[in-house]
Amino acid sequence: MSKLIFAILLAVFLPFAAAAQTKEWRGQGYVFVAPTSTTEGGFGLHIGGGGEGLVYKGLGVGGDIGYLGSADGLRDGIGVLSTNVSYHFTKATKSRKFAPFVTSGYTMLFRGSALNSVNVGGGANWWFKDRIGLRLELRDQIPLQFNSIHFFSVRLGLAFR
């Protein structure tokens, strides 16, 4: 499983590392760690990474993959694969160092079998260097079969462009 996750992360990040970016960014990659809780009282840790690109003004598309382990034991976790549409408020500040965003999309939770879910969230990137920044995001994953269960995450990560 760890080799599969590594291969997918490599496939996501290599295009961002190889692409020439202009001052007006068109895409970014990110890695994150996220304490997670559920409406059922469970706690866990979600780690992962992803990328996104702008397709029209602040409208973006992207995806991420990660691993969500429970606080009882990280070995008994699940895979989390998301594809999202986002909107980045790229002109929120004059310096453009602070860029808030909102996001929503499809999530597949998997371990042996798959569970279809939706996600909603929002956050901001703070670009403290031209190509590297801090990413903070709040995300809620909602399994469609069990819509009374929510997986709330506070993602803290590193963004790069």
Protein backbone atom coordinates (compact mmCIF):
# COMPACT_ATOMS: atom_id res chain seq x y z
CA MET A 1 0.00 0.00 0.00
CA SER A 2 2.81 2.45 0.86
CA LYS A 3 4.48 1.82 -2.52
CA LEU A 4 1.20 2.56 -4.30
CA ILE A 5 0.73 5.81 -2.38
CA PHE A 6 4.34 6.83 -3.10
CA ALA A 7 3.88 6.13 -6.83
CA ILE A 8 0.68 8.17 -6.99
CA LEU A 9 2.22 11.07 -5.07
CA LEU A 10 5.22 11.00 -7.40
CA ALA A 11 2.92 11.08 -10.42
CA VAL A 12 1.05 14.08 -8.95
CA PHE A 13 4.13 16.11 -7.96
CA LEU A 14 6.53 15.57 -10.85
CA PRO A 15 4.56 17.63 -13.37
CA PHE A 16 4.47 20.56 -10.93
CA ALA A 17 8.21 20.36 -10.33
CA ALA A 18 8.99 20.17 -14.05
CA ALA A 19 6.59 22.87 -15.24
CA ALA A 20 7.88 26.40 -15.73
CA GLN A 21 5.75 28.77 -13.70
CA THR A 22 5.23 32.43 -14.40
CA LYS A 23 4.84 35.14 -11.76
CA GLU A 24 1.06 34.63 -12.10
CA TRP A 25 0.86 31.02 -10.89
CA ARG A 26 -1.17 28.45 -12.78
CA GLY A 27 -0.69 25.46 -10.51
CA GLN A 28 0.59 24.25 -7.17
CA GLY A 29 1.38 21.13 -5.24
CA TYR A 30 1.04 20.54 -1.52
CA VAL A 31 1.66 18.07 1.29
CA PHE A 32 -0.25 18.08 4.57
CA VAL A 33 -0.82 16.54 7.95
CA ALA A 34 -4.27 16.81 9.51
CA PRO A 35 -5.66 15.89 12.91
CA THR A 36 -9.10 14.44 12.17
CA SER A 37 -12.20 13.77 14.22
CA THR A 38 -15.53 12.14 13.41
CA THR A 39 -19.07 12.83 14.53
CA GLU A 40 -18.96 9.34 16.08
CA GLY A 41 -16.24 10.46 18.50
CA GLY A 42 -13.23 8.95 16.74
CA PHE A 43 -9.87 10.66 16.29
CA GLY A 44 -7.13 10.10 13.76
CA LEU A 45 -4.33 11.52 11.69
CA HIS A 46 -4.62 12.18 7.95
CA ILE A 47 -1.42 12.63 5.91
CA GLY A 48 -1.18 13.18 2.18
CA GLY A 49 -0.48 15.43 -0.73
CA GLY A 50 -1.90 16.66 -3.98
CA GLY A 51 -1.96 19.34 -6.56
CA GLU A 52 -4.22 21.69 -8.43
CA GLY A 53 -4.14 23.95 -11.43
CA LEU A 54 -6.08 27.05 -12.36
CA VAL A 55 -8.15 26.63 -15.52
CA TYR A 56 -9.91 30.00 -15.66
CA LYS A 57 -9.11 33.02 -13.48
CA GLY A 58 -9.45 31.68 -9.89
CA LEU A 59 -11.28 28.46 -10.86
CA GLY A 60 -9.14 25.38 -10.29
CA VAL A 61 -9.26 21.60 -10.56
CA GLY A 62 -7.11 19.17 -8.64
CA GLY A 63 -6.86 16.16 -6.45
CA ASP A 64 -5.08 14.65 -3.51
CA ILE A 65 -4.37 11.29 -1.99
CA GLY A 66 -3.68 10.37 1.59
CA TYR A 67 -3.86 7.92 4.43
CA LEU A 68 -6.19 8.32 7.42
CA GLY A 69 -5.20 6.29 10.45
CA SER A 70 -7.11 6.09 13.71
CA ALA A 71 -5.66 7.29 16.99
CA ASP A 72 -5.90 3.68 18.23
CA GLY A 73 -3.43 2.50 15.63
CA LEU A 74 -2.20 4.01 12.39
CA ARG A 75 -1.99 0.50 10.90
CA ASP A 76 -5.77 0.22 10.75
CA GLY A 77 -6.31 3.18 8.46
CA ILE A 78 -7.99 3.88 5.14
CA GLY A 79 -6.93 5.45 1.88
CA VAL A 80 -8.46 8.78 0.89
CA LEU A 81 -8.54 9.85 -2.77
CA SER A 82 -10.20 13.15 -3.71
CA THR A 83 -10.87 15.07 -6.92
CA ASN A 84 -11.96 18.66 -6.43
CA VAL A 85 -13.07 21.90 -7.97
CA SER A 86 -11.83 25.00 -6.18
CA TYR A 87 -11.98 28.75 -6.37
CA HIS A 88 -8.94 30.79 -5.34
CA PHE A 89 -9.35 34.44 -4.46
CA THR A 90 -6.04 35.26 -6.16
CA LYS A 91 -6.41 39.04 -5.80
CA ALA A 92 -7.48 39.06 -2.15
CA THR A 93 -4.46 41.19 -1.19
CA LYS A 94 -2.27 43.58 -3.17
CA SER A 95 0.86 41.56 -2.47
CA ARG A 96 -0.95 38.29 -3.34
CA LYS A 97 0.95 36.60 -0.52
CA PHE A 98 -2.31 35.56 1.16
CA ALA A 99 -4.71 33.60 -1.07
CA PRO A 100 -7.94 32.20 0.42
CA PHE A 101 -9.83 29.41 -1.36
CA VAL A 102 -12.94 27.22 -1.19
CA THR A 103 -13.14 23.66 -2.49
CA SER A 104 -15.57 20.80 -2.96
CA GLY A 105 -15.61 17.47 -4.75
CA TYR A 106 -15.71 13.70 -4.74
CA THR A 107 -13.82 11.52 -2.27
CA MET A 108 -13.28 7.77 -2.34
CA LEU A 109 -12.48 6.17 1.02
CA PHE A 110 -10.91 2.76 0.44
CA ARG A 111 -9.57 -0.29 2.21
CA GLY A 112 -10.53 -3.56 0.59
CA SER A 113 -13.64 -1.91 -0.81
CA ALA A 114 -14.55 1.68 -1.67
CA LEU A 115 -16.94 4.09 -0.03
CA ASN A 116 -18.16 7.05 -2.12
CA SER A 117 -18.11 10.39 -0.33
CA VAL A 118 -18.26 14.12 -0.94
CA ASN A 119 -16.04 16.79 0.56
CA VAL A 120 -16.33 20.51 1.24
CA GLY A 121 -13.73 22.82 2.63
CA GLY A 122 -11.85 26.04 2.54
CA GLY A 123 -8.66 27.64 3.67
CA ALA A 124 -5.79 29.82 2.60
CA ASN A 125 -2.25 29.74 1.29
CA TRP A 126 0.28 32.17 2.71
CA TRP A 127 3.17 32.53 0.24
CA PHE A 128 6.12 33.56 2.42
CA LYS A 129 8.52 32.91 -0.51
CA ASP A 130 7.86 33.17 -4.24
CA ARG A 131 7.47 29.41 -4.72
CA ILE A 132 6.79 28.06 -1.24
CA GLY A 133 4.07 28.74 1.28
CA LEU A 134 2.05 27.56 4.23
CA ARG A 135 -1.34 25.95 3.55
CA LEU A 136 -4.14 25.83 6.12
CA GLU A 137 -7.41 24.12 5.22
CA LEU A 138 -10.56 22.91 6.96
CA ARG A 139 -12.11 19.90 5.20
CA ASP A 140 -15.20 17.78 5.85
CA GLN A 141 -15.55 14.34 4.21
CA ILE A 142 -19.11 12.97 4.17
CA PRO A 143 -19.70 9.32 3.14
CA LEU A 144 -22.83 9.13 0.97
CA GLN A 145 -24.09 5.87 2.50
CA PHE A 146 -23.71 7.23 6.03
CA ASN A 147 -24.39 10.94 5.65
CA SER A 148 -24.74 11.37 9.39
CA ILE A 149 -21.01 10.60 9.76
CA HIS A 150 -18.52 13.39 9.05
CA PHE A 151 -14.72 13.31 9.01
CA PHE A 152 -13.53 16.81 10.03
CA SER A 153 -9.89 17.66 9.33
CA VAL A 154 -7.70 20.66 10.00
CA ARG A 155 -4.99 20.39 7.35
CA LEU A 156 -1.66 22.10 7.91
CA GLY A 157 0.79 21.80 5.09
CA LEU A 158 3.41 23.09 2.74
CA ALA A 159 2.41 24.45 -0.68
CA PHE A 160 4.81 24.87 -3.59
CA ARG A 161 4.59 26.24 -7.12
